[in-house]
C-alpha atoms as a PDB file:
ATOM      1  CA  MET A   1      85.256-118.138 239.697  1.00  0.00           C
ATOM      2  CA  ALA A   2      85.239-116.267 236.204  1.00  0.00           C
ATOM      3  CA  MET A   3      83.687-117.722 233.670  1.00  0.00           C
ATOM      4  CA  PHE A   4      85.500-117.954 231.536  1.00  0.00           C
ATOM      5  CA  GLY A   5      88.735-117.830 233.063  1.00  0.00           C
ATOM      6  CA  ARG A   6      91.204-115.434 234.715  1.00  0.00           C
ATOM      7  CA  LEU A   7      92.675-115.635 231.396  1.00  0.00           C
ATOM      8  CA  SER A   8      90.938-116.570 227.922  1.00  0.00           C
ATOM      9  CA  THR A   9      93.221-115.497 224.756  1.00  0.00           C
ATOM     10  CA  ALA A  10      92.072-114.417 221.609  1.00  0.00           C
ATOM     11  CA  MET A  11      93.405-116.821 219.291  1.00  0.00           C
ATOM     12  CA  VAL A  12      95.583-116.162 216.296  1.00  0.00           C
ATOM     13  CA  THR A  13      94.676-119.141 213.415  1.00  0.00           C
ATOM     14  CA  PRO A  14      97.578-120.931 212.051  1.00  0.00           C
ATOM     15  CA  PHE A  15      97.864-121.357 208.176  1.00  0.00           C
ATOM     16  CA  ASN A  16     100.139-123.487 206.068  1.00  0.00           C
ATOM     17  CA  ASP A  17     102.784-122.021 203.166  1.00  0.00           C
ATOM     18  CA  GLN A  18      99.628-122.268 200.942  1.00  0.00           C
ATOM     19  CA  LEU A  19      98.121-119.946 203.514  1.00  0.00           C
ATOM     20  CA  GLU A  20      94.926-122.841 204.587  1.00  0.00           C
ATOM     21  CA  ILE A  21      94.003-124.102 208.255  1.00  0.00           C
ATOM     22  CA  ASP A  22      96.830-125.723 209.483  1.00  0.00           C
ATOM     23  CA  PHE A  23      94.482-127.876 211.906  1.00  0.00           C
ATOM     24  CA  ASP A  24      97.527-129.997 213.226  1.00  0.00           C
ATOM     25  CA  LYS A  25      99.548-126.549 214.243  1.00  0.00           C
ATOM     26  CA  THR A  26      95.954-125.103 215.699  1.00  0.00           C
ATOM     27  CA  GLU A  27      96.470-128.324 217.433  1.00  0.00           C
ATOM     28  CA  ARG A  28      99.989-127.482 219.127  1.00  0.00           C
ATOM     29  CA  LEU A  29      99.121-123.635 219.434  1.00  0.00           C
ATOM     30  CA  ILE A  30      96.376-124.997 221.755  1.00  0.00           C
ATOM     31  CA  ASP A  31      98.790-127.689 223.841  1.00  0.00           C
ATOM     32  CA  HIS A  32     100.796-123.959 223.657  1.00  0.00           C
ATOM     33  CA  LEU A  33      97.451-121.845 225.543  1.00  0.00           C
ATOM     34  CA  LEU A  34      96.890-124.107 227.730  1.00  0.00           C
ATOM     35  CA  GLU A  35     100.449-124.666 229.456  1.00  0.00           C
ATOM     36  CA  THR A  36     100.384-121.387 229.953  1.00  0.00           C
ATOM     37  CA  GLY A  37      97.406-120.292 231.182  1.00  0.00           C
ATOM     38  CA  SER A  38      94.894-120.121 229.637  1.00  0.00           C
ATOM     39  CA  GLU A  39      91.352-121.102 230.772  1.00  0.00           C
ATOM     40  CA  SER A  40      88.783-119.969 227.340  1.00  0.00           C
ATOM     41  CA  LEU A  41      90.088-119.740 223.633  1.00  0.00           C
ATOM     42  CA  VAL A  42      88.387-116.945 221.751  1.00  0.00           C
ATOM     43  CA  VAL A  43      88.225-118.331 218.429  1.00  0.00           C
ATOM     44  CA  SER A  44      88.267-116.693 214.820  1.00  0.00           C
ATOM     45  CA  GLY A  45      87.909-113.188 216.598  1.00  0.00           C
ATOM     46  CA  THR A  46      90.057-110.687 214.653  1.00  0.00           C
ATOM     47  CA  THR A  47      92.895-112.006 215.902  1.00  0.00           C
ATOM     48  CA  GLY A  48      92.092-115.368 213.923  1.00  0.00           C
ATOM     49  CA  GLU A  49      92.131-112.600 211.237  1.00  0.00           C
ATOM     50  CA  SER A  50      88.568-113.608 211.494  1.00  0.00           C
ATOM     51  CA  PRO A  51      87.496-110.758 208.240  1.00  0.00           C
ATOM     52  CA  THR A  52      89.492-113.329 205.663  1.00  0.00           C
ATOM     53  CA  LEU A  53      88.606-116.673 206.745  1.00  0.00           C
ATOM     54  CA  THR A  54      84.976-118.173 205.320  1.00  0.00           C
ATOM     55  CA  GLY A  55      81.344-119.387 207.201  1.00  0.00           C
ATOM     56  CA  GLU A  56      83.378-122.380 206.430  1.00  0.00           C
ATOM     57  CA  GLU A  57      86.377-122.659 207.418  1.00  0.00           C
ATOM     58  CA  LYS A  58      85.544-121.032 210.368  1.00  0.00           C
ATOM     59  CA  LEU A  59      82.641-124.000 211.443  1.00  0.00           C
ATOM     60  CA  LYS A  60      86.105-126.358 210.859  1.00  0.00           C
ATOM     61  CA  LEU A  61      87.581-124.546 213.110  1.00  0.00           C
ATOM     62  CA  PHE A  62      85.319-124.218 216.169  1.00  0.00           C
ATOM     63  CA  ARG A  63      84.090-128.121 215.541  1.00  0.00           C
ATOM     64  CA  HIS A  64      88.419-128.651 215.447  1.00  0.00           C
ATOM     65  CA  VAL A  65      89.197-127.108 218.568  1.00  0.00           C
ATOM     66  CA  ALA A  66      85.935-127.803 220.453  1.00  0.00           C
ATOM     67  CA  GLN A  67      86.809-131.230 219.705  1.00  0.00           C
ATOM     68  CA  TYR A  68      90.712-131.073 220.410  1.00  0.00           C
ATOM     69  CA  VAL A  69      89.936-129.169 223.917  1.00  0.00           C
ATOM     70  CA  GLY A  70      88.109-131.409 224.790  1.00  0.00           C
ATOM     71  CA  GLY A  71      86.694-128.747 227.962  1.00  0.00           C
ATOM     72  CA  ARG A  72      89.813-128.896 228.728  1.00  0.00           C
ATOM     73  CA  ALA A  73      88.796-125.278 228.634  1.00  0.00           C
ATOM     74  CA  LYS A  74      86.022-123.150 227.375  1.00  0.00           C
ATOM     75  CA  VAL A  75      86.026-122.257 223.721  1.00  0.00           C
ATOM     76  CA  VAL A  76      84.356-118.983 222.975  1.00  0.00           C
ATOM     77  CA  ALA A  77      83.007-118.616 218.962  1.00  0.00           C
ATOM     78  CA  GLY A  78      83.722-115.555 217.629  1.00  0.00           C
ATOM     79  CA  THR A  79      80.618-115.411 214.634  1.00  0.00           C
ATOM     80  CA  GLY A  80      79.782-111.879 215.307  1.00  0.00           C
ATOM     81  CA  SER A  81      79.827-109.373 212.020  1.00  0.00           C
ATOM     82  CA  ASN A  82      77.662-105.918 210.134  1.00  0.00           C
ATOM     83  CA  ASN A  83      74.692-107.748 209.145  1.00  0.00           C
ATOM     84  CA  THR A  84      72.326-108.607 211.747  1.00  0.00           C
ATOM     85  CA  GLN A  85      71.030-111.784 210.156  1.00  0.00           C
ATOM     86  CA  GLN A  86      74.134-113.148 208.673  1.00  0.00           C
ATOM     87  CA  THR A  87      74.587-113.127 211.785  1.00  0.00           C
ATOM     88  CA  ILE A  88      71.786-115.190 213.467  1.00  0.00           C
ATOM     89  CA  GLU A  89      72.228-117.558 210.707  1.00  0.00           C
ATOM     90  CA  PHE A  90      76.050-117.774 211.024  1.00  0.00           C
ATOM     91  CA  THR A  91      75.424-117.932 215.209  1.00  0.00           C
ATOM     92  CA  GLN A  92      72.796-120.899 214.649  1.00  0.00           C
ATOM     93  CA  ALA A  93      75.570-122.851 212.678  1.00  0.00           C
ATOM     94  CA  ALA A  94      78.383-122.344 215.087  1.00  0.00           C
ATOM     95  CA  SER A  95      76.040-123.164 218.209  1.00  0.00           C
ATOM     96  CA  GLN A  96      76.232-127.114 217.023  1.00  0.00           C
ATOM     97  CA  THR A  97      80.304-126.961 216.697  1.00  0.00           C
ATOM     98  CA  GLY A  98      80.585-127.868 220.220  1.00  0.00           C
ATOM     99  CA  VAL A  99      81.361-124.623 221.533  1.00  0.00           C
ATOM    100  CA  ASP A 100      81.371-123.688 224.379  1.00  0.00           C
ATOM    101  CA  ALA A 101      80.179-119.455 224.070  1.00  0.00           C
ATOM    102  CA  ILE A 102      79.779-116.636 221.546  1.00  0.00           C
ATOM    103  CA  MET A 103      81.454-113.720 221.313  1.00  0.00           C
ATOM    104  CA  ILE A 104      79.446-110.669 219.052  1.00  0.00           C
ATOM    105  CA  VAL A 105      81.733-107.990 217.820  1.00  0.00           C
ATOM    106  CA  SER A 106      79.994-104.718 217.558  1.00  0.00           C
ATOM    107  CA  PRO A 107      78.414-104.142 213.971  1.00  0.00           C
ATOM    108  CA  TYR A 108      81.158-102.372 212.425  1.00  0.00           C
ATOM    109  CA  TYR A 109      81.393 -99.476 209.346  1.00  0.00           C
ATOM    110  CA  SER A 110      76.919 -99.498 209.517  1.00  0.00           C
ATOM    111  CA  LYS A 111      77.956 -96.896 212.497  1.00  0.00           C
ATOM    112  CA  THR A 112      74.026 -97.873 214.091  1.00  0.00           C
ATOM    113  CA  SER A 113      72.713 -96.268 217.092  1.00  0.00           C
ATOM    114  CA  GLN A 114      72.717 -96.881 220.222  1.00  0.00           C
ATOM    115  CA  GLU A 115      68.798 -98.473 219.890  1.00  0.00           C
ATOM    116  CA  GLY A 116      70.208-100.565 216.668  1.00  0.00           C
ATOM    117  CA  LEU A 117      73.737-101.778 218.377  1.00  0.00           C
ATOM    118  CA  TYR A 118      70.732-103.135 221.798  1.00  0.00           C
ATOM    119  CA  GLN A 119      68.122-104.767 218.698  1.00  0.00           C
ATOM    120  CA  HIS A 120      71.633-106.116 217.302  1.00  0.00           C
ATOM    121  CA  PHE A 121      72.744-108.112 220.004  1.00  0.00           C
ATOM    122  CA  LYS A 122      69.712-109.182 221.442  1.00  0.00           C
ATOM    123  CA  ALA A 123      68.615-111.122 218.388  1.00  0.00           C
ATOM    124  CA  VAL A 124      71.316-112.495 218.079  1.00  0.00           C
ATOM    125  CA  ALA A 125      71.385-113.974 222.187  1.00  0.00           C
ATOM    126  CA  GLU A 126      67.970-114.505 221.677  1.00  0.00           C
ATOM    127  CA  SER A 127      68.880-116.744 218.748  1.00  0.00           C
ATOM    128  CA  THR A 128      71.136-119.600 220.515  1.00  0.00           C
ATOM    129  CA  MET A 129      71.138-121.263 224.432  1.00  0.00           C
ATOM    130  CA  LEU A 130      74.816-120.357 224.505  1.00  0.00           C
ATOM    131  CA  PRO A 131      75.992-117.442 226.597  1.00  0.00           C
ATOM    132  CA  VAL A 132      77.257-114.568 224.745  1.00  0.00           C
ATOM    133  CA  MET A 133      79.945-112.298 225.135  1.00  0.00           C
ATOM    134  CA  LEU A 134      79.486-109.139 224.148  1.00  0.00           C
ATOM    135  CA  TYR A 135      82.880-107.008 222.441  1.00  0.00           C
ATOM    136  CA  ASN A 136      82.699-103.547 222.610  1.00  0.00           C
ATOM    137  CA  VAL A 137      85.622-102.597 220.648  1.00  0.00           C
ATOM    138  CA  PRO A 138      84.964 -98.591 218.919  1.00  0.00           C
ATOM    139  CA  GLY A 139      88.349 -98.524 217.484  1.00  0.00           C
ATOM    140  CA  ARG A 140      87.667-101.015 214.862  1.00  0.00           C
ATOM    141  CA  SER A 141      83.788-100.909 215.281  1.00  0.00           C
ATOM    142  CA  VAL A 142      84.042 -96.898 214.679  1.00  0.00           C
ATOM    143  CA  VAL A 143      81.181 -97.111 217.146  1.00  0.00           C
ATOM    144  CA  ASN A 144      81.452 -97.482 220.792  1.00  0.00           C
ATOM    145  CA  MET A 145      78.088 -99.072 223.096  1.00  0.00           C
ATOM    146  CA  THR A 146      77.616 -97.253 225.687  1.00  0.00           C
ATOM    147  CA  ALA A 147      76.821 -98.429 229.425  1.00  0.00           C
ATOM    148  CA  GLU A 148      73.333 -97.968 229.015  1.00  0.00           C
ATOM    149  CA  THR A 149      73.322 -99.834 226.243  1.00  0.00           C
ATOM    150  CA  THR A 150      75.867-102.725 227.940  1.00  0.00           C
ATOM    151  CA  LEU A 151      73.302-103.042 230.937  1.00  0.00           C
ATOM    152  CA  ARG A 152      70.353-103.254 228.612  1.00  0.00           C
ATOM    153  CA  LEU A 153      71.942-106.305 227.430  1.00  0.00           C
ATOM    154  CA  ALA A 154      73.621-107.571 230.299  1.00  0.00           C
ATOM    155  CA  GLU A 155      70.063-107.882 231.811  1.00  0.00           C
ATOM    156  CA  LEU A 156      68.846-111.015 228.206  1.00  0.00           C
ATOM    157  CA  PRO A 157      68.849-114.275 230.508  1.00  0.00           C
ATOM    158  CA  ASN A 158      71.970-115.629 228.282  1.00  0.00           C
ATOM    159  CA  VAL A 159      74.311-112.669 228.265  1.00  0.00           C
ATOM    160  CA  VAL A 160      76.913-113.325 230.830  1.00  0.00           C
ATOM    161  CA  CYS A 161      79.919-111.331 230.192  1.00  0.00           C
ATOM    162  CA  THR A 162      81.912-107.903 227.513  1.00  0.00           C
ATOM    163  CA  LYS A 163      85.082-107.563 226.465  1.00  0.00           C
ATOM    164  CA  GLU A 164      85.898-103.866 227.198  1.00  0.00           C
ATOM    165  CA  ALA A 165      87.991-102.432 224.465  1.00  0.00           C
ATOM    166  CA  SER A 166      86.968 -99.188 225.064  1.00  0.00           C
ATOM    167  CA  GLY A 167      89.714 -98.259 227.012  1.00  0.00           C
ATOM    168  CA  ASN A 168      87.717 -96.286 228.859  1.00  0.00           C
ATOM    169  CA  LEU A 169      87.571 -96.533 232.936  1.00  0.00           C
ATOM    170  CA  THR A 170      84.610 -94.779 233.934  1.00  0.00           C
ATOM    171  CA  GLN A 171      82.843 -96.362 230.897  1.00  0.00           C
ATOM    172  CA  ILE A 172      84.085 -99.587 232.706  1.00  0.00           C
ATOM    173  CA  SER A 173      83.133 -98.626 236.395  1.00  0.00           C
ATOM    174  CA  GLN A 174      80.061 -97.906 235.754  1.00  0.00           C
ATOM    175  CA  ILE A 175      79.428-101.022 233.826  1.00  0.00           C
ATOM    176  CA  ILE A 176      80.397-102.753 236.437  1.00  0.00           C
ATOM    177  CA  GLU A 177      79.046-100.558 239.847  1.00  0.00           C
ATOM    178  CA  HIS A 178      75.699-101.242 237.853  1.00  0.00           C
ATOM    179  CA  ALA A 179      74.893-104.931 236.372  1.00  0.00           C
ATOM    180  CA  PRO A 180      73.218-107.671 236.958  1.00  0.00           C
ATOM    181  CA  GLU A 181      74.725-110.537 239.207  1.00  0.00           C
ATOM    182  CA  GLY A 182      76.926-112.526 237.891  1.00  0.00           C
ATOM    183  CA  PHE A 183      77.871-110.613 234.619  1.00  0.00           C
ATOM    184  CA  GLU A 184      81.339-109.921 234.006  1.00  0.00           C
ATOM    185  CA  VAL A 185      83.735-107.822 232.568  1.00  0.00           C
ATOM    186  CA  TYR A 186      87.008-108.624 230.796  1.00  0.00           C
ATOM    187  CA  SER A 187      90.120-106.551 229.759  1.00  0.00           C
ATOM    188  CA  GLY A 188      89.790-106.230 225.342  1.00  0.00           C
ATOM    189  CA  ASP A 189      93.205-104.163 225.763  1.00  0.00           C
ATOM    190  CA  ASP A 190      96.285-106.348 227.849  1.00  0.00           C
ATOM    191  CA  GLY A 191      97.863-103.532 228.871  1.00  0.00           C
ATOM    192  CA  LEU A 192      94.415-102.397 231.063  1.00  0.00           C
ATOM    193  CA  THR A 193      94.538-106.094 232.520  1.00  0.00           C
ATOM    194  CA  LEU A 194      95.514-104.881 236.115  1.00  0.00           C
ATOM    195  CA  PRO A 195      93.513-101.118 236.080  1.00  0.00           C
ATOM    196  CA  ILE A 196      90.085-103.350 235.026  1.00  0.00           C
ATOM    197  CA  LEU A 197      91.300-106.075 238.190  1.00  0.00           C
ATOM    198  CA  ALA A 198      90.776-102.837 240.298  1.00  0.00           C
ATOM    199  CA  ILE A 199      88.201-101.897 239.010  1.00  0.00           C
ATOM    200  CA  GLY A 200      85.688-104.653 239.743  1.00  0.00           C
ATOM    201  CA  GLY A 201      87.159-106.957 235.763  1.00  0.00           C
ATOM    202  CA  ALA A 202      86.516-110.334 236.384  1.00  0.00           C
ATOM    203  CA  GLY A 203      90.007-110.944 233.434  1.00  0.00           C
ATOM    204  CA  VAL A 204      91.485-110.225 230.536  1.00  0.00           C
ATOM    205  CA  VAL A 205      89.993-111.599 227.053  1.00  0.00           C
ATOM    206  CA  SER A 206      94.157-111.716 225.819  1.00  0.00           C
ATOM    207  CA  VAL A 207      96.708-110.942 222.140  1.00  0.00           C
ATOM    208  CA  THR A 208     100.136-110.900 223.862  1.00  0.00           C
ATOM    209  CA  SER A 209      98.782-114.268 226.451  1.00  0.00           C
ATOM    210  CA  HIS A 210     100.147-116.293 223.248  1.00  0.00           C
ATOM    211  CA  VAL A 211     104.440-115.139 224.112  1.00  0.00           C
ATOM    212  CA  ILE A 212     103.362-114.232 227.550  1.00  0.00           C
ATOM    213  CA  GLY A 213     100.900-115.898 229.300  1.00  0.00           C
ATOM    214  CA  LYS A 214     103.131-117.655 232.322  1.00  0.00           C
ATOM    215  CA  GLU A 215     103.572-113.487 233.516  1.00  0.00           C
ATOM    216  CA  MET A 216     100.031-112.657 232.797  1.00  0.00           C
ATOM    217  CA  THR A 217      98.695-115.633 234.302  1.00  0.00           C
ATOM    218  CA  GLU A 218     101.593-114.589 237.079  1.00  0.00           C
ATOM    219  CA  MET A 219     100.536-111.037 237.948  1.00  0.00           C
ATOM    220  CA  VAL A 220      96.236-111.843 237.050  1.00  0.00           C
ATOM    221  CA  ASN A 221      96.906-114.712 240.483  1.00  0.00           C
ATOM    222  CA  ALA A 222      98.667-112.578 242.221  1.00  0.00           C
ATOM    223  CA  PHE A 223      96.672-109.327 242.103  1.00  0.00           C
ATOM    224  CA  PHE A 224      93.656-111.657 243.378  1.00  0.00           C
ATOM    225  CA  ASN A 225      96.122-113.920 245.892  1.00  0.00           C
ATOM    226  CA  GLY A 226      95.600-109.862 247.373  1.00  0.00           C
ATOM    227  CA  GLU A 227      99.544-109.374 246.561  1.00  0.00           C
ATOM    228  CA  VAL A 228      99.283-106.108 243.974  1.00  0.00           C
ATOM    229  CA  ARG A 229     102.273-104.486 245.032  1.00  0.00           C
ATOM    230  CA  LYS A 230     103.535-107.854 242.923  1.00  0.00           C
ATOM    231  CA  ALA A 231     101.111-107.377 240.475  1.00  0.00           C
ATOM    232  CA  ALA A 232     102.009-103.868 239.603  1.00  0.00           C
ATOM    233  CA  ASP A 233     105.687-105.046 239.575  1.00  0.00           C
ATOM    234  CA  ILE A 234     104.762-107.773 236.441  1.00  0.00           C
ATOM    235  CA  HIS A 235     102.591-105.036 234.929  1.00  0.00           C
ATOM    236  CA  ARG A 236     105.376-101.829 234.530  1.00  0.00           C
ATOM    237  CA  LYS A 237     107.723-104.309 233.859  1.00  0.00           C
ATOM    238  CA  LEU A 238     105.323-106.485 230.852  1.00  0.00           C
ATOM    239  CA  VAL A 239     103.521-102.927 228.936  1.00  0.00           C
ATOM    240  CA  PRO A 240     106.379-102.466 226.511  1.00  0.00           C
ATOM    241  CA  VAL A 241     105.370-106.058 225.193  1.00  0.00           C
ATOM    242  CA  PHE A 242     101.894-105.029 225.566  1.00  0.00           C
ATOM    243  CA  GLU A 243     102.502-102.124 223.690  1.00  0.00           C
ATOM    244  CA  GLY A 244     104.756-103.872 221.101  1.00  0.00           C
ATOM    245  CA  MET A 245     102.407-106.370 219.928  1.00  0.00           C
ATOM    246  CA  PHE A 246     100.711-103.393 218.808  1.00  0.00           C
ATOM    247  CA  LYS A 247     103.259-101.875 216.905  1.00  0.00           C
ATOM    248  CA  TYR A 248     102.306-103.598 213.910  1.00  0.00           C
ATOM    249  CA  PRO A 249      98.801-104.737 212.235  1.00  0.00           C
ATOM    250  CA  SER A 250      97.716-107.151 214.495  1.00  0.00           C
ATOM    251  CA  PRO A 251      97.923-109.968 215.630  1.00  0.00           C
ATOM    252  CA  THR A 252     101.276-109.756 212.203  1.00  0.00           C
ATOM    253  CA  PRO A 253     103.821-109.672 215.810  1.00  0.00           C
ATOM    254  CA  VAL A 254     102.609-112.104 217.588  1.00  0.00           C
ATOM    255  CA  LYS A 255     102.170-114.493 215.541  1.00  0.00           C
ATOM    256  CA  ALA A 256     106.217-113.291 214.227  1.00  0.00           C
ATOM    257  CA  ALA A 257     107.041-114.285 217.583  1.00  0.00           C
ATOM    258  CA  LEU A 258     105.176-117.368 218.499  1.00  0.00           C
ATOM    259  CA  ASN A 259     107.369-118.435 214.521  1.00  0.00           C
ATOM    260  CA  LYS A 260     111.099-117.627 216.673  1.00  0.00           C
ATOM    261  CA  MET A 261     110.097-119.397 219.743  1.00  0.00           C
ATOM    262  CA  GLY A 262     109.180-122.053 217.353  1.00  0.00           C
ATOM    263  CA  VAL A 263     105.183-122.220 217.918  1.00  0.00           C
ATOM    264  CA  ASP A 264     104.994-122.167 214.043  1.00  0.00           C
ATOM    265  CA  VAL A 265     101.443-120.380 212.685  1.00  0.00           C
ATOM    266  CA  GLY A 266     102.257-119.804 209.706  1.00  0.00           C
ATOM    267  CA  GLY A 267     101.650-116.048 207.743  1.00  0.00           C
ATOM    268  CA  VAL A 268      98.738-113.737 207.510  1.00  0.00           C
ATOM    269  CA  ARG A 269      96.585-113.219 204.495  1.00  0.00           C
ATOM    270  CA  LEU A 270      96.360-110.446 203.128  1.00  0.00           C
ATOM    271  CA  PRO A 271      94.839-107.117 203.673  1.00  0.00           C
ATOM    272  CA  LEU A 272      97.565-108.203 206.126  1.00  0.00           C
ATOM    273  CA  VAL A 273     101.446-109.100 204.668  1.00  0.00           C
ATOM    274  CA  GLU A 274     104.193-110.663 207.180  1.00  0.00           C
ATOM    275  CA  LEU A 275     106.402-107.602 209.231  1.00  0.00           C
ATOM    276  CA  ASN A 276     109.904-106.843 207.327  1.00  0.00           C
ATOM    277  CA  ASP A 277     112.706-107.632 208.757  1.00  0.00           C
ATOM    278  CA  GLU A 278     113.611-104.361 210.634  1.00  0.00           C
ATOM    279  CA  GLU A 279     110.392-104.983 212.299  1.00  0.00           C
ATOM    280  CA  LYS A 280     110.490-108.849 212.563  1.00  0.00           C
ATOM    281  CA  ALA A 281     113.956-106.963 214.986  1.00  0.00           C
ATOM    282  CA  PHE A 282     111.591-105.273 217.581  1.00  0.00           C
ATOM    283  CA  VAL A 283     109.070-108.249 217.914  1.00  0.00           C
ATOM    284  CA  TYR A 284     111.601-111.138 219.161  1.00  0.00           C
ATOM    285  CA  SER A 285     113.941-108.047 221.108  1.00  0.00           C
ATOM    286  CA  LEU A 286     110.268-107.739 223.025  1.00  0.00           C
ATOM    287  CA  LEU A 287     111.071-111.894 223.861  1.00  0.00           C
ATOM    288  CA  GLY A 288     114.136-111.751 226.003  1.00  0.00           C
END
């Protein structure tokens, strides 16, 4: 069984009317996610609007989520930045909050080399005893972490998996083929969940699972139960949702969808803005 389960959710951060973190709403969101199939929660990733959260807010959120989850699921803290020393210090602080693991995103904007990526991740991984999930997302960080660099990092004892959002199935196949035993690959793209499972992936770190968690659980379970045609049928039906939840800047669509579903998570912080009426109508149309 995958270390962080087959379905992990990159959790949004609920806000109140003043756009402060709302911990009561956070608890209700956690209950919703666990009830609909999430086996782990990634807290304060990009979907959690991490660029707009202060370090103090993040640590409070990690501590609260870990305490409320109480072992019912794994809690993974997003601690990465493009400042290696700052990431080390923050990772060490996050490691004391009760979370189960750390997720480190590729350092964005700096456009470093593959050796720079390796040294960055290595330095951060060596600063904590917790398991580390790498996060390769060239669409946001600009630089793609190659299969070779990922495989070098996979040799580090506490680097246990990667969230791959490169969209490159050849690269992902190479990682899976040559990774050391126990190292796992998670899809970082909802729409590539099934293809990545088909080539040996462990699961998905999902955004759309906020609103279609049960359906995604059914699809993943069908695949692992050998019901590949059923999994493919579900995948095709979910494609409009996979695409639609990213039609506008994430996580604005998924927050609008959750609010419509009665799971109140509030608005978004600048530089994100609320969807207009036409955009909301489109998002609501995906909910059936």
